[in-house]
């Protein structure tokens, strides 16, 4: 009778031990699942952040490209204005030479008239 009781105690103790091991294993698995969920959420957040950053960079790039094109247009206008100014200065120089020549002629005619 005592042996039977001893055997039952041992069986109960082994069952409790196995149950305890099973609970520990289950707990570790749920922790692992929680870790995976946490990692997945962190990964999702990081991907979202990268996507937002990429969008912002694309917007900045677009704005910079627009500025670059405006600067190129402005440079072209400036070059055209400089060309027109050179031509105008050249015309002014020619007119000054003609005026100087006419003044010389007038002075010569005045001298001849006085004589």
C-alpha atoms as a PDB file:
ATOM      1  CA  UNK A   1       0.000   0.000   0.000  1.00  0.00           C
ATOM      2  CA  UNK A   2       2.856   2.304   0.905  1.00  0.00           C
ATOM      3  CA  UNK A   3       4.564   1.404  -2.361  1.00  0.00           C
ATOM      4  CA  UNK A   4       1.422   2.263  -4.322  1.00  0.00           C
ATOM      5  CA  UNK A   5       1.245   5.630  -2.578  1.00  0.00           C
ATOM      6  CA  UNK A   6       4.926   6.253  -3.210  1.00  0.00           C
ATOM      7  CA  UNK A   7       4.432   5.402  -6.898  1.00  0.00           C
ATOM      8  CA  UNK A   8       1.464   7.757  -7.154  1.00  0.00           C
ATOM      9  CA  UNK A   9       3.484  10.546  -5.510  1.00  0.00           C
ATOM     10  CA  UNK A  10       6.330   9.981  -7.967  1.00  0.00           C
ATOM     11  CA  UNK A  11       3.871   9.946 -10.897  1.00  0.00           C
ATOM     12  CA  UNK A  12       2.187  13.146  -9.697  1.00  0.00           C
ATOM     13  CA  UNK A  13       5.565  14.783  -9.157  1.00  0.00           C
ATOM     14  CA  UNK A  14       6.722  13.790 -12.673  1.00  0.00           C
ATOM     15  CA  UNK A  15       3.431  15.020 -14.127  1.00  0.00           C
ATOM     16  CA  UNK A  16       3.828  18.359 -12.322  1.00  0.00           C
ATOM     17  CA  UNK A  17       7.409  18.607 -13.566  1.00  0.00           C
ATOM     18  CA  UNK A  18       6.337  17.888 -17.152  1.00  0.00           C
ATOM     19  CA  UNK A  19       3.462  20.359 -16.794  1.00  0.00           C
ATOM     20  CA  UNK A  20       5.885  22.965 -15.455  1.00  0.00           C
ATOM     21  CA  UNK A  21       8.272  22.340 -18.384  1.00  0.00           C
ATOM     22  CA  UNK A  22       5.380  22.607 -20.849  1.00  0.00           C
ATOM     23  CA  UNK A  23       4.257  25.909 -19.271  1.00  0.00           C
ATOM     24  CA  UNK A  24       7.812  27.273 -19.451  1.00  0.00           C
ATOM     25  CA  UNK A  25       8.122  26.249 -23.097  1.00  0.00           C
ATOM     26  CA  UNK A  26       4.720  27.779 -23.911  1.00  0.00           C
ATOM     27  CA  UNK A  27       5.725  30.971 -22.126  1.00  0.00           C
ATOM     28  CA  UNK A  28       8.965  31.161 -24.125  1.00  0.00           C
ATOM     29  CA  UNK A  29       7.057  30.611 -27.363  1.00  0.00           C
ATOM     30  CA  UNK A  30       4.606  33.395 -26.549  1.00  0.00           C
ATOM     31  CA  UNK A  31       7.558  35.648 -25.647  1.00  0.00           C
ATOM     32  CA  UNK A  32       9.138  34.783 -28.977  1.00  0.00           C
ATOM     33  CA  UNK A  33       5.841  35.559 -30.709  1.00  0.00           C
ATOM     34  CA  UNK A  34       5.683  38.888 -28.866  1.00  0.00           C
ATOM     35  CA  UNK A  35       9.281  39.588 -29.894  1.00  0.00           C
ATOM     36  CA  UNK A  36       8.436  38.796 -33.521  1.00  0.00           C
ATOM     37  CA  UNK A  37       5.395  41.102 -33.331  1.00  0.00           C
ATOM     38  CA  UNK A  38       7.517  43.871 -31.811  1.00  0.00           C
ATOM     39  CA  UNK A  39      10.200  43.410 -34.461  1.00  0.00           C
ATOM     40  CA  UNK A  40       7.547  43.405 -37.203  1.00  0.00           C
ATOM     41  CA  UNK A  41       6.040  46.646 -35.859  1.00  0.00           C
ATOM     42  CA  UNK A  42       9.483  48.241 -35.594  1.00  0.00           C
ATOM     43  CA  UNK A  43      10.289  47.093 -39.138  1.00  0.00           C
ATOM     44  CA  UNK A  44       6.972  48.479 -40.426  1.00  0.00           C
ATOM     45  CA  UNK A  45       7.632  51.814 -38.712  1.00  0.00           C
ATOM     46  CA  UNK A  46      11.147  51.954 -40.141  1.00  0.00           C
ATOM     47  CA  UNK A  47       9.866  51.197 -43.657  1.00  0.00           C
ATOM     48  CA  UNK A  48       7.220  53.906 -43.287  1.00  0.00           C
ATOM     49  CA  UNK A  49       9.893  56.366 -42.115  1.00  0.00           C
ATOM     50  CA  UNK A  50      12.119  55.441 -45.072  1.00  0.00           C
ATOM     51  CA  UNK A  51       9.208  55.913 -47.473  1.00  0.00           C
ATOM     52  CA  UNK A  52       8.419  59.342 -45.964  1.00  0.00           C
ATOM     53  CA  UNK A  53      12.080  60.348 -46.106  1.00  0.00           C
ATOM     54  CA  UNK A  54      12.308  59.210 -49.723  1.00  0.00           C
ATOM     55  CA  UNK A  55       9.187  61.233 -50.588  1.00  0.00           C
ATOM     56  CA  UNK A  56      10.654  64.309 -48.875  1.00  0.00           C
ATOM     57  CA  UNK A  57      13.966  63.868 -50.672  1.00  0.00           C
ATOM     58  CA  UNK A  58      12.150  63.543 -53.999  1.00  0.00           C
ATOM     59  CA  UNK A  59      10.241  66.760 -53.248  1.00  0.00           C
ATOM     60  CA  UNK A  60      13.469  68.584 -52.334  1.00  0.00           C
ATOM     61  CA  UNK A  61      15.111  67.226 -55.475  1.00  0.00           C
ATOM     62  CA  UNK A  62      12.175  68.441 -57.576  1.00  0.00           C
ATOM     63  CA  UNK A  63      12.365  71.908 -56.012  1.00  0.00           C
ATOM     64  CA  UNK A  64      16.130  72.059 -56.590  1.00  0.00           C
ATOM     65  CA  UNK A  65      15.682  71.010 -60.217  1.00  0.00           C
ATOM     66  CA  UNK A  66      13.086  73.757 -60.681  1.00  0.00           C
ATOM     67  CA  UNK A  67      15.512  76.307 -59.161  1.00  0.00           C
ATOM     68  CA  UNK A  68      18.305  75.051 -61.395  1.00  0.00           C
ATOM     69  CA  UNK A  69      16.118  75.480 -64.490  1.00  0.00           C
ATOM     70  CA  UNK A  70      15.119  78.978 -63.378  1.00  0.00           C
ATOM     71  CA  UNK A  71      18.792  79.879 -62.881  1.00  0.00           C
ATOM     72  CA  UNK A  72      19.633  78.556 -66.349  1.00  0.00           C
ATOM     73  CA  UNK A  73      16.829  80.664 -67.865  1.00  0.00           C
ATOM     74  CA  UNK A  74      18.007  83.711 -65.901  1.00  0.00           C
ATOM     75  CA  UNK A  75      21.575  83.137 -67.106  1.00  0.00           C
ATOM     76  CA  UNK A  76      20.352  82.924 -70.713  1.00  0.00           C
ATOM     77  CA  UNK A  77      18.411  86.200 -70.283  1.00  0.00           C
ATOM     78  CA  UNK A  78      21.505  87.840 -68.747  1.00  0.00           C
ATOM     79  CA  UNK A  79      23.667  86.632 -71.640  1.00  0.00           C
ATOM     80  CA  UNK A  80      21.136  88.024 -74.132  1.00  0.00           C
ATOM     81  CA  UNK A  81      21.051  91.381 -72.295  1.00  0.00           C
ATOM     82  CA  UNK A  82      24.861  91.520 -72.274  1.00  0.00           C
ATOM     83  CA  UNK A  83      24.922  90.832 -76.012  1.00  0.00           C
ATOM     84  CA  UNK A  84      22.354  93.607 -76.628  1.00  0.00           C
ATOM     85  CA  UNK A  85      24.354  95.994 -74.399  1.00  0.00           C
ATOM     86  CA  UNK A  86      27.551  95.265 -76.367  1.00  0.00           C
ATOM     87  CA  UNK A  87      25.706  95.950 -79.626  1.00  0.00           C
ATOM     88  CA  UNK A  88      24.238  99.179 -78.219  1.00  0.00           C
ATOM     89  CA  UNK A  89      27.680 100.285 -76.960  1.00  0.00           C
ATOM     90  CA  UNK A  90      29.102  99.546 -80.387  1.00  0.00           C
ATOM     91  CA  UNK A  91      26.350 101.646 -81.998  1.00  0.00           C
ATOM     92  CA  UNK A  92      27.042 104.490 -79.539  1.00  0.00           C
ATOM     93  CA  UNK A  93      30.769 104.330 -80.391  1.00  0.00           C
ATOM     94  CA  UNK A  94      29.999 104.523 -84.121  1.00  0.00           C
ATOM     95  CA  UNK A  95      27.647 107.487 -83.541  1.00  0.00           C
ATOM     96  CA  UNK A  96      30.315 109.232 -81.436  1.00  0.00           C
ATOM     97  CA  UNK A  97      32.861 108.739 -84.219  1.00  0.00           C
ATOM     98  CA  UNK A  98      30.405 110.143 -86.790  1.00  0.00           C
ATOM     99  CA  UNK A  99      29.587 113.077 -84.492  1.00  0.00           C
ATOM    100  CA  UNK A 100      33.262 113.771 -83.953  1.00  0.00           C
ATOM    101  CA  UNK A 101      33.831 113.632 -87.688  1.00  0.00           C
ATOM    102  CA  UNK A 102      30.908 116.038 -88.330  1.00  0.00           C
ATOM    103  CA  UNK A 103      32.208 118.384 -85.625  1.00  0.00           C
ATOM    104  CA  UNK A 104      35.598 118.378 -87.341  1.00  0.00           C
ATOM    105  CA  UNK A 105      33.907 119.154 -90.679  1.00  0.00           C
ATOM    106  CA  UNK A 106      31.913 121.995 -89.072  1.00  0.00           C
ATOM    107  CA  UNK A 107      35.054 123.390 -87.484  1.00  0.00           C
ATOM    108  CA  UNK A 108      36.874 123.169 -90.838  1.00  0.00           C
ATOM    109  CA  UNK A 109      33.979 124.918 -92.614  1.00  0.00           C
ATOM    110  CA  UNK A 110      33.953 127.645 -89.927  1.00  0.00           C
ATOM    111  CA  UNK A 111      37.692 128.219 -90.444  1.00  0.00           C
ATOM    112  CA  UNK A 112      37.257 128.340 -94.224  1.00  0.00           C
ATOM    113  CA  UNK A 113      34.256 130.718 -93.904  1.00  0.00           C
ATOM    114  CA  UNK A 114      36.239 133.108 -91.714  1.00  0.00           C
ATOM    115  CA  UNK A 115      39.030 133.200 -94.303  1.00  0.00           C
END
